[in-house]
Structures are given as C-alpha cells and as structure tokens.
Amino acid sequence: GHGFDWRLAHPLGVTDIFLGGAQRILFSGRQPEACELLRQFVVLEAGKRYSLHWEARTRGLGMPTGVEWRAGKAHGLVESAEDWRAGSVDFTASAALTPIALDYHRPTGEARAEGSMEIRNVSLVEER
C-alpha cells in the first residue's frame, strides 16, 4: 500500500497480482459487465479539493478500456497504453470519509475486456 490499504474485490474472471510496486489486474473476458476492482476509504476534509494521480499501462485492452477511477462523484478513465501513462482526476470531497475505487464497466458495443493492466504510483494530494 504505501499509504493506501486497498481492498481487492476479486470479481469472477479477474485475477490480481501484486508485483512489488505495482498491481497487475488480469481480465479473462468472463468478468461481470460491471464490477469494482479495488476500493479504499480515505479520511478527507469535506468541501476541499483533491487530486487523485496514478500511472497505468495496459496489454490487450482497447480504447475505451472500460476501467476508471472513482473518487467521490468524479470519474477518471484509464487510457489504453502499452507504456506507463499518467492519469488524474480532480474532485471535491463531499464527506469526511470518501471512497476511492477502481471500476470496470464493459464499454457499450464492445466485448468484455481480455488482457491486463498494471497500476502504480497512486497518490492523493490536496489542491491549494
């Protein structure tokens, strides 16, 4: 974790592998059309602005990937990229206890994802 205590959801058809600094998520194509992959509740100050940052890379996932970060009511898509790509999502904390989650939703008109993604360097910073 390094500051995060992620709860892995382990949906059917999804395998998680910790790589020592990164988390690999494997999609078999048999996962639900919509499922949560990771979740963490963080204590924030309601009404303040925050920014969630991450780096991700994918193998075999098209665009859109169907994978997105959810921070409060904000959403940040994970892009398809074979090399590490930074992403972020800004949000305002609506409550002191705020869920941060990584979700999968099968993109409309697309087959369920088959492939993998890796996530690393996830951080949360208060915007000033």
Protein backbone atom coordinates (compact mmCIF):
# COMPACT_ATOMS: atom_id res chain seq x y z
CA GLY A 1 0.00 0.00 0.00
CA HIS A 2 2.42 2.87 0.83
CA GLY A 3 -0.34 4.89 2.46
CA PHE A 4 -3.26 3.13 0.80
CA ASP A 5 -4.87 -0.01 2.16
CA TRP A 6 -6.59 -1.29 -0.97
CA ARG A 7 -9.34 -3.85 -0.66
CA LEU A 8 -9.34 -6.18 -3.65
CA ALA A 9 -12.84 -7.13 -4.77
CA HIS A 10 -11.85 -10.39 -6.56
CA PRO A 11 -14.78 -10.49 -9.02
CA LEU A 12 -15.21 -13.70 -11.00
CA GLY A 13 -12.98 -13.65 -14.10
CA VAL A 14 -10.49 -11.12 -12.66
CA THR A 15 -7.10 -12.05 -11.18
CA ASP A 16 -4.93 -9.68 -9.10
CA ILE A 17 -1.15 -10.00 -8.81
CA PHE A 18 0.99 -7.73 -6.60
CA LEU A 19 4.28 -7.02 -8.37
CA GLY A 20 6.12 -5.14 -5.60
CA GLY A 21 5.36 -1.53 -6.51
CA ALA A 22 2.57 -2.20 -8.98
CA GLN A 23 -0.71 -4.09 -9.10
CA ARG A 24 -1.47 -6.21 -12.17
CA ILE A 25 -5.12 -6.92 -12.95
CA LEU A 26 -5.88 -9.69 -15.45
CA PHE A 27 -9.22 -9.74 -17.29
CA SER A 28 -10.31 -13.15 -18.61
CA GLY A 29 -13.25 -11.89 -20.68
CA ARG A 30 -15.55 -13.72 -18.26
CA GLN A 31 -15.77 -10.95 -15.65
CA PRO A 32 -19.11 -9.24 -14.96
CA GLU A 33 -20.12 -6.42 -17.31
CA ALA A 34 -19.63 -4.02 -14.40
CA CYS A 35 -17.56 -4.67 -11.29
CA GLU A 36 -15.41 -2.99 -8.69
CA LEU A 37 -11.72 -3.96 -8.78
CA LEU A 38 -10.18 -2.04 -5.85
CA ARG A 39 -11.56 0.15 -3.05
CA GLN A 40 -10.19 2.32 -0.27
CA PHE A 41 -11.93 4.72 2.10
CA VAL A 42 -9.87 7.82 2.92
CA VAL A 43 -10.44 10.50 5.54
CA LEU A 44 -10.58 13.92 3.86
CA GLU A 45 -11.87 17.36 4.73
CA ALA A 46 -15.36 17.88 3.30
CA GLY A 47 -15.54 20.75 0.82
CA LYS A 48 -11.81 20.70 -0.02
CA ARG A 49 -10.46 19.94 -3.50
CA TYR A 50 -8.22 16.93 -4.05
CA SER A 51 -6.47 15.29 -6.97
CA LEU A 52 -6.00 11.53 -7.41
CA HIS A 53 -2.96 10.62 -9.55
CA TRP A 54 -1.85 7.25 -10.96
CA GLU A 55 0.26 5.61 -13.63
CA ALA A 56 -1.12 2.73 -15.69
CA ARG A 57 -0.28 0.60 -18.68
CA THR A 58 -2.39 -1.97 -20.48
CA ARG A 59 -1.90 -5.05 -22.63
CA GLY A 60 -4.66 -6.22 -24.96
CA LEU A 61 -7.25 -3.68 -23.80
CA GLY A 62 -8.84 -1.48 -26.47
CA MET A 63 -9.95 2.12 -26.20
CA PRO A 64 -12.04 2.78 -24.26
CA THR A 65 -10.68 0.31 -21.71
CA GLY A 66 -13.79 0.35 -19.54
CA VAL A 67 -11.59 0.92 -16.48
CA GLU A 68 -11.99 4.09 -14.45
CA TRP A 69 -11.09 5.56 -11.09
CA ARG A 70 -13.97 6.85 -8.99
CA ALA A 71 -13.22 9.46 -6.32
CA GLY A 72 -16.38 10.63 -4.62
CA LYS A 73 -18.64 11.60 -7.54
CA ALA A 74 -15.78 12.21 -10.04
CA HIS A 75 -14.55 9.67 -12.60
CA GLY A 76 -11.17 9.39 -14.33
CA LEU A 77 -10.73 7.00 -17.26
CA VAL A 78 -7.68 4.75 -17.52
CA GLU A 79 -6.38 5.06 -21.07
CA SER A 80 -5.15 2.19 -23.21
CA ALA A 81 -1.34 2.44 -23.40
CA GLU A 82 1.43 -0.17 -23.60
CA ASP A 83 3.87 2.20 -21.88
CA TRP A 84 3.29 3.80 -18.48
CA ARG A 85 0.90 6.73 -18.80
CA ALA A 86 -0.02 9.19 -16.05
CA GLY A 87 -3.63 9.99 -15.29
CA SER A 88 -5.51 12.07 -12.75
CA VAL A 89 -8.94 13.11 -11.60
CA ASP A 90 -9.81 16.20 -9.54
CA PHE A 91 -12.71 16.15 -7.10
CA THR A 92 -14.22 17.91 -4.12
CA ALA A 93 -14.67 15.79 -1.00
CA SER A 94 -18.36 15.76 -0.13
CA ALA A 95 -17.84 13.95 3.17
CA ALA A 96 -15.07 13.23 5.67
CA LEU A 97 -15.00 9.54 4.66
CA THR A 98 -14.59 9.35 0.88
CA PRO A 99 -14.44 6.15 -1.21
CA ILE A 100 -11.73 5.83 -3.86
CA ALA A 101 -12.32 2.89 -6.21
CA LEU A 102 -11.14 1.37 -9.47
CA ASP A 103 -14.08 0.03 -11.51
CA TYR A 104 -14.64 -1.87 -14.76
CA HIS A 105 -17.69 -1.26 -16.97
CA ARG A 106 -17.90 -3.03 -20.34
CA PRO A 107 -17.92 -0.28 -22.96
CA THR A 108 -21.18 -0.15 -24.94
CA GLY A 109 -20.93 -2.19 -28.14
CA GLU A 110 -17.66 -3.86 -27.11
CA ALA A 111 -16.85 -7.37 -25.92
CA ARG A 112 -15.78 -7.80 -22.31
CA ALA A 113 -12.12 -6.95 -21.76
CA GLU A 114 -9.49 -9.64 -22.23
CA GLY A 115 -5.99 -8.61 -21.29
CA SER A 116 -4.25 -6.92 -18.40
CA MET A 117 -3.44 -3.61 -16.83
CA GLU A 118 -0.91 -2.51 -14.25
CA ILE A 119 -1.36 0.37 -11.81
CA ARG A 120 1.41 2.09 -9.84
CA ASN A 121 2.26 5.35 -8.08
CA VAL A 122 -1.26 6.09 -6.87
CA SER A 123 -1.32 9.28 -4.81
CA LEU A 124 -3.85 11.69 -3.40
CA VAL A 125 -2.99 15.37 -2.89
CA GLU A 126 -4.92 18.33 -1.56
CA GLU A 127 -5.27 21.10 -4.15
CA ARG A 128 -4.28 24.55 -2.88
